C-alpha atoms as a PDB file:
ATOM      1  CA  MET A   1      84.147-173.879  60.395  1.00  0.00           C
ATOM      2  CA  LEU A   2      85.623-177.422  60.269  1.00  0.00           C
ATOM      3  CA  THR A   3      83.799-180.662  59.625  1.00  0.00           C
ATOM      4  CA  ALA A   4      84.349-184.441  59.328  1.00  0.00           C
ATOM      5  CA  LEU A   5      87.258-184.407  61.785  1.00  0.00           C
ATOM      6  CA  GLU A   6      86.341-187.968  62.762  1.00  0.00           C
ATOM      7  CA  VAL A   7      86.618-189.129  59.142  1.00  0.00           C
ATOM      8  CA  PRO A   8      90.183-190.200  58.248  1.00  0.00           C
ATOM      9  CA  PRO A   9      91.522-190.699  54.702  1.00  0.00           C
ATOM     10  CA  ASP A  10      90.042-193.624  52.801  1.00  0.00           C
ATOM     11  CA  THR A  11      93.416-194.731  51.382  1.00  0.00           C
ATOM     12  CA  GLY A  12      96.687-195.716  53.028  1.00  0.00           C
ATOM     13  CA  ASP A  13      98.814-192.960  51.450  1.00  0.00           C
ATOM     14  CA  PRO A  14     101.120-191.625  54.204  1.00  0.00           C
ATOM     15  CA  TYR A  15     101.088-188.083  52.795  1.00  0.00           C
ATOM     16  CA  LEU A  16      97.292-187.951  53.187  1.00  0.00           C
ATOM     17  CA  TRP A  17      97.419-189.395  56.716  1.00  0.00           C
ATOM     18  CA  ALA A  18     100.154-186.954  57.713  1.00  0.00           C
ATOM     19  CA  ASP A  19      97.930-184.084  56.502  1.00  0.00           C
ATOM     20  CA  PHE A  20      94.969-185.416  58.488  1.00  0.00           C
ATOM     21  CA  VAL A  21      96.992-185.784  61.688  1.00  0.00           C
ATOM     22  CA  GLU A  22      98.545-182.331  61.221  1.00  0.00           C
ATOM     23  CA  LEU A  23      95.029-180.903  61.008  1.00  0.00           C
ATOM     24  CA  ARG A  24      94.005-182.759  64.167  1.00  0.00           C
ATOM     25  CA  ALA A  25      97.116-181.461  65.962  1.00  0.00           C
ATOM     26  CA  LEU A  26      96.323-177.946  64.728  1.00  0.00           C
ATOM     27  CA  VAL A  27      92.903-177.920  66.422  1.00  0.00           C
ATOM     28  CA  HIS A  28      93.656-180.098  69.467  1.00  0.00           C
ATOM     29  CA  PRO A  29      93.482-178.184  72.790  1.00  0.00           C
ATOM     30  CA  ASP A  30      97.043-179.354  73.523  1.00  0.00           C
ATOM     31  CA  ARG A  31      98.221-178.541  69.972  1.00  0.00           C
ATOM     32  CA  CYS A  32      99.320-182.135  69.396  1.00  0.00           C
ATOM     33  CA  TYR A  33      98.053-185.500  68.220  1.00  0.00           C
ATOM     34  CA  SER A  34      99.349-188.781  69.591  1.00  0.00           C
ATOM     35  CA  ARG A  35      99.521-192.454  68.763  1.00  0.00           C
ATOM     36  CA  GLY A  36      96.916-193.003  71.500  1.00  0.00           C
ATOM     37  CA  ASP A  37      94.589-190.459  69.857  1.00  0.00           C
ATOM     38  CA  LEU A  38      94.819-192.406  66.600  1.00  0.00           C
ATOM     39  CA  VAL A  39      94.131-195.706  68.377  1.00  0.00           C
ATOM     40  CA  SER A  40      90.999-194.157  69.930  1.00  0.00           C
ATOM     41  CA  LEU A  41      89.896-192.821  66.553  1.00  0.00           C
ATOM     42  CA  ALA A  42      90.367-196.267  64.982  1.00  0.00           C
ATOM     43  CA  LYS A  43      88.023-197.774  67.560  1.00  0.00           C
ATOM     44  CA  ARG A  44      85.376-195.118  66.928  1.00  0.00           C
ATOM     45  CA  VAL A  45      85.699-195.485  63.160  1.00  0.00           C
ATOM     46  CA  GLU A  46      85.309-199.263  63.359  1.00  0.00           C
ATOM     47  CA  THR A  47      82.065-198.753  65.274  1.00  0.00           C
ATOM     48  CA  MET A  48      80.662-196.002  63.036  1.00  0.00           C
ATOM     49  CA  ALA A  49      82.020-196.797  59.560  1.00  0.00           C
ATOM     50  CA  ALA A  50      83.409-200.297  59.059  1.00  0.00           C
ATOM     51  CA  ASN A  51      84.445-199.484  55.486  1.00  0.00           C
ATOM     52  CA  ARG A  52      87.025-197.002  56.830  1.00  0.00           C
ATOM     53  CA  LYS A  53      88.557-199.150  59.556  1.00  0.00           C
ATOM     54  CA  PHE A  54      92.339-199.200  59.691  1.00  0.00           C
ATOM     55  CA  ASP A  55      95.247-200.566  61.695  1.00  0.00           C
ATOM     56  CA  PRO A  56      96.344-197.594  63.846  1.00  0.00           C
ATOM     57  CA  GLU A  57      99.808-198.976  64.557  1.00  0.00           C
ATOM     58  CA  THR A  58     100.622-199.381  60.853  1.00  0.00           C
ATOM     59  CA  ARG A  59      99.134-195.995  59.999  1.00  0.00           C
ATOM     60  CA  TRP A  60     101.000-194.270  62.819  1.00  0.00           C
ATOM     61  CA  ARG A  61     104.318-195.819  61.879  1.00  0.00           C
ATOM     62  CA  ASP A  62     103.937-194.719  58.263  1.00  0.00           C
ATOM     63  CA  LEU A  63     102.632-191.216  58.897  1.00  0.00           C
ATOM     64  CA  ILE A  64     105.078-190.314  61.672  1.00  0.00           C
ATOM     65  CA  SER A  65     107.961-191.450  59.457  1.00  0.00           C
ATOM     66  CA  PHE A  66     106.573-189.250  56.705  1.00  0.00           C
ATOM     67  CA  ALA A  67     106.167-186.294  59.094  1.00  0.00           C
ATOM     68  CA  ALA A  68     109.794-186.667  60.198  1.00  0.00           C
ATOM     69  CA  ALA A  69     110.831-186.657  56.531  1.00  0.00           C
ATOM     70  CA  ARG A  70     108.747-183.522  56.014  1.00  0.00           C
ATOM     71  CA  ARG A  71     110.617-181.705  58.724  1.00  0.00           C
ATOM     72  CA  MET A  72     113.898-182.615  57.059  1.00  0.00           C
ATOM     73  CA  GLU A  73     112.705-181.567  53.601  1.00  0.00           C
ATOM     74  CA  PHE A  74     110.881-178.362  54.495  1.00  0.00           C
ATOM     75  CA  GLY A  75     113.120-177.301  57.373  1.00  0.00           C
ATOM     76  CA  ASP A  76     112.213-175.626  60.654  1.00  0.00           C
ATOM     77  CA  VAL A  77     111.582-172.229  59.074  1.00  0.00           C
ATOM     78  CA  VAL A  78     108.763-173.700  56.958  1.00  0.00           C
ATOM     79  CA  TYR A  79     107.424-176.790  58.765  1.00  0.00           C
ATOM     80  CA  PRO A  80     105.355-175.758  61.818  1.00  0.00           C
ATOM     81  CA  PHE A  81     105.172-179.238  63.395  1.00  0.00           C
ATOM     82  CA  GLU A  82     107.656-181.501  65.115  1.00  0.00           C
ATOM     83  CA  VAL A  83     107.798-185.170  66.045  1.00  0.00           C
ATOM     84  CA  SER A  84     108.402-185.973  69.705  1.00  0.00           C
ATOM     85  CA  ALA A  85     111.611-187.782  70.674  1.00  0.00           C
ATOM     86  CA  ASP A  86     109.721-191.029  71.360  1.00  0.00           C
ATOM     87  CA  GLN A  87     107.832-190.638  68.032  1.00  0.00           C
ATOM     88  CA  ASP A  88     104.512-190.989  69.855  1.00  0.00           C
ATOM     89  CA  THR A  89     103.270-187.447  69.217  1.00  0.00           C
ATOM     90  CA  LEU A  90     103.074-184.900  66.422  1.00  0.00           C
ATOM     91  CA  GLU A  91     103.169-181.418  67.937  1.00  0.00           C
ATOM     92  CA  LEU A  92     102.386-177.962  66.610  1.00  0.00           C
ATOM     93  CA  ARG A  93     105.002-175.463  67.639  1.00  0.00           C
ATOM     94  CA  ALA A  94     103.822-173.004  70.254  1.00  0.00           C
ATOM     95  CA  ASN A  95     103.270-170.172  67.778  1.00  0.00           C
ATOM     96  CA  PRO A  96     103.787-170.642  64.043  1.00  0.00           C
ATOM     97  CA  SER A  97     105.259-167.244  63.307  1.00  0.00           C
ATOM     98  CA  THR A  98     107.237-167.170  60.078  1.00  0.00           C
ATOM     99  CA  PRO A  99     105.555-166.230  56.771  1.00  0.00           C
ATOM    100  CA  GLN A 100     106.782-169.592  55.452  1.00  0.00           C
ATOM    101  CA  GLN A 101     104.978-171.484  58.234  1.00  0.00           C
ATOM    102  CA  HIS A 102     101.770-169.592  57.531  1.00  0.00           C
ATOM    103  CA  SER A 103     102.119-170.441  53.830  1.00  0.00           C
ATOM    104  CA  TYR A 104     102.577-174.096  54.799  1.00  0.00           C
ATOM    105  CA  LEU A 105      99.390-174.036  56.876  1.00  0.00           C
ATOM    106  CA  HIS A 106      97.455-172.411  54.035  1.00  0.00           C
ATOM    107  CA  LEU A 107      98.519-175.164  51.639  1.00  0.00           C
ATOM    108  CA  LEU A 108      97.837-177.858  54.246  1.00  0.00           C
ATOM    109  CA  LEU A 109      94.264-176.624  54.583  1.00  0.00           C
ATOM    110  CA  ALA A 110      93.899-176.271  50.803  1.00  0.00           C
ATOM    111  CA  SER A 111      94.738-179.986  50.652  1.00  0.00           C
ATOM    112  CA  LEU A 112      91.956-180.688  53.148  1.00  0.00           C
ATOM    113  CA  LEU A 113      89.037-178.787  51.633  1.00  0.00           C
ATOM    114  CA  ARG A 114      86.660-181.619  52.547  1.00  0.00           C
ATOM    115  CA  HIS A 115      87.125-180.569  56.172  1.00  0.00           C
ATOM    116  CA  ILE A 116      86.190-176.901  55.513  1.00  0.00           C
ATOM    117  CA  GLU A 117      82.453-176.671  56.100  1.00  0.00           C
ATOM    118  CA  SER A 118      81.668-173.339  54.425  1.00  0.00           C
ATOM    119  CA  VAL A 119      81.520-173.331  50.622  1.00  0.00           C
ATOM    120  CA  ARG A 120      82.490-169.662  50.635  1.00  0.00           C
ATOM    121  CA  GLU A 121      85.564-170.345  52.757  1.00  0.00           C
ATOM    122  CA  ARG A 122      86.532-173.333  50.604  1.00  0.00           C
ATOM    123  CA  ASN A 123      86.361-171.121  47.540  1.00  0.00           C
ATOM    124  CA  GLU A 124      88.413-168.414  49.250  1.00  0.00           C
ATOM    125  CA  LEU A 125      91.077-170.937  50.225  1.00  0.00           C
ATOM    126  CA  ALA A 126      91.165-172.344  46.684  1.00  0.00           C
ATOM    127  CA  ARG A 127      91.654-168.800  45.361  1.00  0.00           C
ATOM    128  CA  TYR A 128      94.547-168.295  47.806  1.00  0.00           C
ATOM    129  CA  PHE A 129      96.184-171.453  46.428  1.00  0.00           C
ATOM    130  CA  GLU A 130      95.617-170.324  42.844  1.00  0.00           C
ATOM    131  CA  GLY A 131      97.066-166.907  43.695  1.00  0.00           C
ATOM    132  CA  LEU A 132     100.260-168.425  45.089  1.00  0.00           C
ATOM    133  CA  SER A 133     100.436-170.773  42.095  1.00  0.00           C
ATOM    134  CA  LEU A 134     100.141-167.796  39.740  1.00  0.00           C
ATOM    135  CA  ALA A 135     102.947-165.968  41.563  1.00  0.00           C
ATOM    136  CA  VAL A 136     105.233-169.010  41.333  1.00  0.00           C
ATOM    137  CA  PHE A 137     104.234-169.708  37.711  1.00  0.00           C
ATOM    138  CA  ARG A 138     105.175-166.138  36.833  1.00  0.00           C
ATOM    139  CA  GLN A 139     108.643-166.659  38.308  1.00  0.00           C
ATOM    140  CA  LEU A 140     109.124-169.865  36.318  1.00  0.00           C
ATOM    141  CA  MET A 141     108.591-168.052  33.034  1.00  0.00           C
ATOM    142  CA  PRO A 142     111.412-166.241  31.174  1.00  0.00           C
ATOM    143  CA  GLN A 143     111.920-162.516  31.704  1.00  0.00           C
ATOM    144  CA  GLY A 144     109.561-160.564  29.464  1.00  0.00           C
ATOM    145  CA  ALA A 145     106.859-163.241  29.407  1.00  0.00           C
ATOM    146  CA  GLU A 146     103.155-162.403  29.633  1.00  0.00           C
ATOM    147  CA  VAL A 147     101.505-164.373  32.462  1.00  0.00           C
ATOM    148  CA  HIS A 148      97.771-164.362  33.200  1.00  0.00           C
ATOM    149  CA  ALA A 149      95.101-166.167  35.203  1.00  0.00           C
ATOM    150  CA  THR A 150      92.096-167.206  33.142  1.00  0.00           C
ATOM    151  CA  GLY A 151      89.386-167.434  35.809  1.00  0.00           C
ATOM    152  CA  ALA A 152      88.365-165.559  38.946  1.00  0.00           C
ATOM    153  CA  GLY A 153      92.034-165.282  39.860  1.00  0.00           C
ATOM    154  CA  GLY A 154      92.421-162.738  37.073  1.00  0.00           C
ATOM    155  CA  GLY A 155      90.430-160.197  39.086  1.00  0.00           C
ATOM    156  CA  ALA A 156      88.546-157.198  37.711  1.00  0.00           C
ATOM    157  CA  GLY A 157      91.231-156.635  35.079  1.00  0.00           C
ATOM    158  CA  ALA A 158      91.185-160.210  33.821  1.00  0.00           C
ATOM    159  CA  ARG A 159      92.480-160.627  30.293  1.00  0.00           C
ATOM    160  CA  TYR A 160      90.015-163.376  29.430  1.00  0.00           C
ATOM    161  CA  LYS A 161      86.334-162.606  29.844  1.00  0.00           C
ATOM    162  CA  GLY A 162      82.988-163.764  28.526  1.00  0.00           C
ATOM    163  CA  THR A 163      82.157-167.227  27.271  1.00  0.00           C
ATOM    164  CA  LEU A 164      84.582-170.130  27.058  1.00  0.00           C
ATOM    165  CA  LEU A 165      84.497-169.754  23.258  1.00  0.00           C
ATOM    166  CA  SER A 166      85.626-166.144  23.578  1.00  0.00           C
ATOM    167  CA  LYS A 167      88.324-167.016  26.135  1.00  0.00           C
ATOM    168  CA  MET A 168      89.735-169.890  24.080  1.00  0.00           C
ATOM    169  CA  THR A 169      89.802-167.730  20.961  1.00  0.00           C
ATOM    170  CA  SER A 170      91.723-165.008  22.804  1.00  0.00           C
ATOM    171  CA  MET A 171      94.140-167.537  24.321  1.00  0.00           C
ATOM    172  CA  ALA A 172      94.849-169.072  20.925  1.00  0.00           C
ATOM    173  CA  LYS A 173      95.593-165.631  19.521  1.00  0.00           C
ATOM    174  CA  ASP A 174      97.910-164.811  22.439  1.00  0.00           C
ATOM    175  CA  ILE A 175     100.047-167.941  22.050  1.00  0.00           C
ATOM    176  CA  ARG A 176      99.859-167.591  18.237  1.00  0.00           C
ATOM    177  CA  ALA A 177      98.032-170.838  17.709  1.00  0.00           C
ATOM    178  CA  GLY A 178      95.407-171.675  15.147  1.00  0.00           C
ATOM    179  CA  VAL A 179      91.704-171.829  15.980  1.00  0.00           C
ATOM    180  CA  ASN A 180      90.292-175.212  15.057  1.00  0.00           C
ATOM    181  CA  PHE A 181      86.989-174.947  16.903  1.00  0.00           C
ATOM    182  CA  GLN A 182      83.647-173.232  16.501  1.00  0.00           C
ATOM    183  CA  ALA A 183      80.714-172.158  18.648  1.00  0.00           C
ATOM    184  CA  ARG A 184      78.895-175.495  18.387  1.00  0.00           C
ATOM    185  CA  ASP A 185      81.864-177.237  20.084  1.00  0.00           C
ATOM    186  CA  PHE A 186      81.009-175.490  23.376  1.00  0.00           C
ATOM    187  CA  LYS A 187      77.968-175.466  25.616  1.00  0.00           C
ATOM    188  CA  ARG A 188      75.950-172.318  25.168  1.00  0.00           C
ATOM    189  CA  ASN A 189      76.815-169.619  27.733  1.00  0.00           C
ATOM    190  CA  ASP A 190      79.652-171.726  29.184  1.00  0.00           C
ATOM    191  CA  SER A 191      81.851-169.178  30.967  1.00  0.00           C
ATOM    192  CA  GLY A 192      84.306-171.671  32.480  1.00  0.00           C
ATOM    193  CA  ASP A 193      88.033-171.880  31.915  1.00  0.00           C
ATOM    194  CA  GLY A 194      88.175-175.049  29.825  1.00  0.00           C
ATOM    195  CA  GLY A 195      90.586-176.630  32.301  1.00  0.00           C
ATOM    196  CA  ILE A 196      93.167-173.853  31.812  1.00  0.00           C
ATOM    197  CA  ASP A 197      93.842-171.748  34.923  1.00  0.00           C
ATOM    198  CA  LEU A 198      97.094-170.028  33.953  1.00  0.00           C
ATOM    199  CA  VAL A 199      98.532-168.942  30.598  1.00  0.00           C
ATOM    200  CA  ALA A 200     102.000-167.665  29.730  1.00  0.00           C
ATOM    201  CA  TRP A 201     103.878-166.833  26.557  1.00  0.00           C
ATOM    202  CA  HIS A 202     106.923-164.849  25.485  1.00  0.00           C
ATOM    203  CA  PRO A 203     106.279-162.545  22.478  1.00  0.00           C
ATOM    204  CA  MET A 204     109.886-162.909  21.246  1.00  0.00           C
ATOM    205  CA  ALA A 205     109.958-159.266  20.091  1.00  0.00           C
ATOM    206  CA  ASP A 206     107.981-159.964  16.910  1.00  0.00           C
ATOM    207  CA  ASN A 207     104.598-161.191  15.649  1.00  0.00           C
ATOM    208  CA  ARG A 208     105.636-164.488  14.083  1.00  0.00           C
ATOM    209  CA  LYS A 209     104.454-167.927  15.090  1.00  0.00           C
ATOM    210  CA  GLY A 210     106.633-170.270  17.140  1.00  0.00           C
ATOM    211  CA  ILE A 211     106.994-168.722  20.587  1.00  0.00           C
ATOM    212  CA  PRO A 212     107.518-170.209  24.061  1.00  0.00           C
ATOM    213  CA  ALA A 213     104.183-170.810  25.787  1.00  0.00           C
ATOM    214  CA  ALA A 214     102.880-172.619  28.861  1.00  0.00           C
ATOM    215  CA  LEU A 215      99.454-173.564  30.200  1.00  0.00           C
ATOM    216  CA  ALA A 216      98.680-174.631  33.755  1.00  0.00           C
ATOM    217  CA  GLN A 217      95.872-176.179  35.748  1.00  0.00           C
ATOM    218  CA  CYS A 218      95.497-175.788  39.542  1.00  0.00           C
ATOM    219  CA  GLY A 219      93.684-178.440  41.570  1.00  0.00           C
ATOM    220  CA  CYS A 220      93.188-179.198  45.265  1.00  0.00           C
ATOM    221  CA  SER A 221      91.549-182.614  44.997  1.00  0.00           C
ATOM    222  CA  LYS A 222      93.350-185.666  46.380  1.00  0.00           C
ATOM    223  CA  GLU A 223      91.944-187.768  43.526  1.00  0.00           C
ATOM    224  CA  ASP A 224      91.172-185.537  40.526  1.00  0.00           C
ATOM    225  CA  TRP A 225      94.856-184.943  39.752  1.00  0.00           C
ATOM    226  CA  ARG A 226      94.795-188.189  37.811  1.00  0.00           C
ATOM    227  CA  PHE A 227      92.871-186.530  34.982  1.00  0.00           C
ATOM    228  CA  LYS A 228      93.339-182.834  35.782  1.00  0.00           C
ATOM    229  CA  GLN A 229      97.096-183.054  35.153  1.00  0.00           C
ATOM    230  CA  LEU A 230      96.199-183.654  31.490  1.00  0.00           C
ATOM    231  CA  GLU A 231      93.702-180.791  31.165  1.00  0.00           C
ATOM    232  CA  THR A 232      96.286-178.460  29.627  1.00  0.00           C
ATOM    233  CA  SER A 233      98.239-181.082  27.686  1.00  0.00           C
ATOM    234  CA  TYR A 234      98.891-180.695  23.997  1.00  0.00           C
ATOM    235  CA  THR A 235      97.435-184.172  23.551  1.00  0.00           C
ATOM    236  CA  LYS A 236      94.050-182.886  24.738  1.00  0.00           C
ATOM    237  CA  LEU A 237      94.055-179.333  23.382  1.00  0.00           C
ATOM    238  CA  GLY A 238      96.397-179.465  20.407  1.00  0.00           C
ATOM    239  CA  TRP A 239      93.659-180.258  17.909  1.00  0.00           C
ATOM    240  CA  LYS A 240      91.726-177.196  19.084  1.00  0.00           C
ATOM    241  CA  MET A 241      94.729-174.863  19.012  1.00  0.00           C
ATOM    242  CA  PRO A 242      97.338-176.218  16.557  1.00  0.00           C
ATOM    243  CA  ILE A 243     100.652-174.471  17.106  1.00  0.00           C
ATOM    244  CA  MET A 244     104.145-174.502  15.617  1.00  0.00           C
ATOM    245  CA  HIS A 245     105.792-175.519  18.906  1.00  0.00           C
ATOM    246  CA  PRO A 246     103.785-177.343  21.626  1.00  0.00           C
ATOM    247  CA  TRP A 247     103.359-175.448  24.890  1.00  0.00           C
ATOM    248  CA  ALA A 248     104.652-176.668  28.244  1.00  0.00           C
ATOM    249  CA  SER A 249     101.975-178.075  30.556  1.00  0.00           C
ATOM    250  CA  TYR A 250     101.987-177.581  34.343  1.00  0.00           C
ATOM    251  CA  TYR A 251      99.836-178.937  37.143  1.00  0.00           C
ATOM    252  CA  PHE A 252      99.845-177.178  40.533  1.00  0.00           C
ATOM    253  CA  LEU A 253      98.501-178.941  43.625  1.00  0.00           C
ATOM    254  CA  PRO A 254      98.783-178.146  47.351  1.00  0.00           C
ATOM    255  CA  LEU A 255      99.409-181.784  48.323  1.00  0.00           C
ATOM    256  CA  ASP A 256     102.859-182.854  49.488  1.00  0.00           C
ATOM    257  CA  PHE A 257     102.931-185.396  46.703  1.00  0.00           C
ATOM    258  CA  ARG A 258     105.868-187.586  47.768  1.00  0.00           C
ATOM    259  CA  HIS A 259     107.002-190.737  49.469  1.00  0.00           C
ATOM    260  CA  ALA A 260     109.055-190.424  52.652  1.00  0.00           C
ATOM    261  CA  ASP A 261     112.193-191.154  50.603  1.00  0.00           C
ATOM    262  CA  GLY A 262     111.517-188.117  48.404  1.00  0.00           C
ATOM    263  CA  GLY A 263     110.227-189.868  45.276  1.00  0.00           C
ATOM    264  CA  TRP A 264     106.920-188.953  43.683  1.00  0.00           C
ATOM    265  CA  ALA A 265     103.796-190.564  45.122  1.00  0.00           C
ATOM    266  CA  ASN A 266     101.792-192.505  42.539  1.00  0.00           C
ATOM    267  CA  GLU A 267     104.544-191.920  40.000  1.00  0.00           C
ATOM    268  CA  SER A 268     103.160-194.545  37.615  1.00  0.00           C
ATOM    269  CA  ASP A 269     100.076-192.307  37.154  1.00  0.00           C
ATOM    270  CA  LEU A 270     102.050-189.146  36.392  1.00  0.00           C
ATOM    271  CA  GLY A 271     102.832-187.893  32.919  1.00  0.00           C
ATOM    272  CA  GLY A 272     102.064-185.129  30.484  1.00  0.00           C
ATOM    273  CA  ALA A 273     102.580-182.240  32.911  1.00  0.00           C
ATOM    274  CA  ILE A 274     105.235-180.678  35.102  1.00  0.00           C
ATOM    275  CA  ILE A 275     103.992-181.219  38.668  1.00  0.00           C
ATOM    276  CA  VAL A 276     104.376-178.398  41.184  1.00  0.00           C
ATOM    277  CA  ASP A 277     103.348-179.714  44.610  1.00  0.00           C
ATOM    278  CA  ARG A 278     103.547-178.294  48.141  1.00  0.00           C
ATOM    279  CA  LEU A 279     107.293-178.780  48.470  1.00  0.00           C
ATOM    280  CA  ARG A 280     108.062-177.147  45.136  1.00  0.00           C
ATOM    281  CA  LEU A 281     105.575-174.329  45.727  1.00  0.00           C
ATOM    282  CA  LEU A 282     107.023-173.426  49.115  1.00  0.00           C
ATOM    283  CA  ARG A 283     110.647-173.749  48.051  1.00  0.00           C
ATOM    284  CA  LEU A 284     110.097-171.664  44.916  1.00  0.00           C
ATOM    285  CA  ALA A 285     108.112-169.086  46.895  1.00  0.00           C
ATOM    286  CA  ASP A 286     111.052-168.865  49.270  1.00  0.00           C
ATOM    287  CA  VAL A 287     113.626-168.528  46.485  1.00  0.00           C
ATOM    288  CA  HIS A 288     111.662-165.666  44.917  1.00  0.00           C
ATOM    289  CA  GLY A 289     110.639-163.945  48.152  1.00  0.00           C
ATOM    290  CA  LEU A 290     106.916-164.526  47.687  1.00  0.00           C
ATOM    291  CA  HIS A 291     105.886-165.568  51.204  1.00  0.00           C
ATOM    292  CA  THR A 292     105.693-162.047  52.637  1.00  0.00           C
ATOM    293  CA  HIS A 293     103.687-160.820  49.639  1.00  0.00           C
ATOM    294  CA  ALA A 294     101.302-163.757  49.326  1.00  0.00           C
ATOM    295  CA  PRO A 295      97.637-163.069  50.136  1.00  0.00           C
ATOM    296  CA  ARG A 296      96.323-164.536  53.364  1.00  0.00           C
ATOM    297  CA  TRP A 297      93.188-166.592  53.976  1.00  0.00           C
ATOM    298  CA  ALA A 298      91.406-164.702  56.752  1.00  0.00           C
ATOM    299  CA  PRO A 299      89.746-167.759  58.432  1.00  0.00           C
ATOM    300  CA  LEU A 300      93.199-169.247  59.190  1.00  0.00           C
ATOM    301  CA  ARG A 301      93.140-167.409  62.505  1.00  0.00           C
ATOM    302  CA  THR A 302      89.744-168.990  63.269  1.00  0.00           C
ATOM    303  CA  VAL A 303      91.153-172.447  62.538  1.00  0.00           C
ATOM    304  CA  LEU A 304      94.114-171.783  64.834  1.00  0.00           C
ATOM    305  CA  ASN A 305      91.664-170.815  67.578  1.00  0.00           C
ATOM    306  CA  THR A 306      89.473-173.912  67.073  1.00  0.00           C
ATOM    307  CA  LYS A 307      89.595-176.542  69.810  1.00  0.00           C
ATOM    308  CA  TYR A 308      88.651-180.116  68.994  1.00  0.00           C
ATOM    309  CA  ALA A 309      89.972-183.184  70.760  1.00  0.00           C
END
């Protein structure tokens, strides 16, 4: 079910280390992970993989501060962990029970796909994340807007089917853009999504050009966001689909993409898209009452029953 639990993050980002330690607390027999556990892991890592060695005291100080900030930001109804009074332990509450806490755990695991051994289960978890992103994206659009998933998330009744050429042509028509591409611009039989996971537009009660539109990409990777955030940008796609008014571009990711003080992590690398991270996803899902209606990833119960010290 889970794999690479002895392999910590390869960067010093506190939000990634907090995720890793939350996962270890989730599967620990005592439902917690301590400073001492991290010190022991550091010794094992130094023996097995020198390129991943780290200072456990520095890492613990940073990640436990970030976890404490998480509890303040998300609140007890959402955040299923707590920091001990002496700040030496991160503990899972006895029984995460609220729909919001289950949503948090789903997004935590979606941020840690490298630790999910089964390809099928990784894909299922990614589809859960895309489903929640679609539900939130729909709520962000004006009343009367058309909102659709372009890939597998569209289900049997998906609006966009067939080759990427066919899908892009249909999308351009929907948002009333021009079509400045031809078959030779695409790989033959490419049935992908072209980097566009979600599409929305408001018809404005007529058939004229110049309508509100938005495109979104969903991604779970802790690194690929650097280029994936630009997948739906007008800078990249505008030449293919020239339009009277550029669409809004969104990037959804399950990471809690912040510093402990609340600012964006890696802010100098952001731009070109509206970022919707774990905090925004969960808060918006709460505002719009989506937690109780969100699909569930069945193996979550298996993860909660896993024991690994």
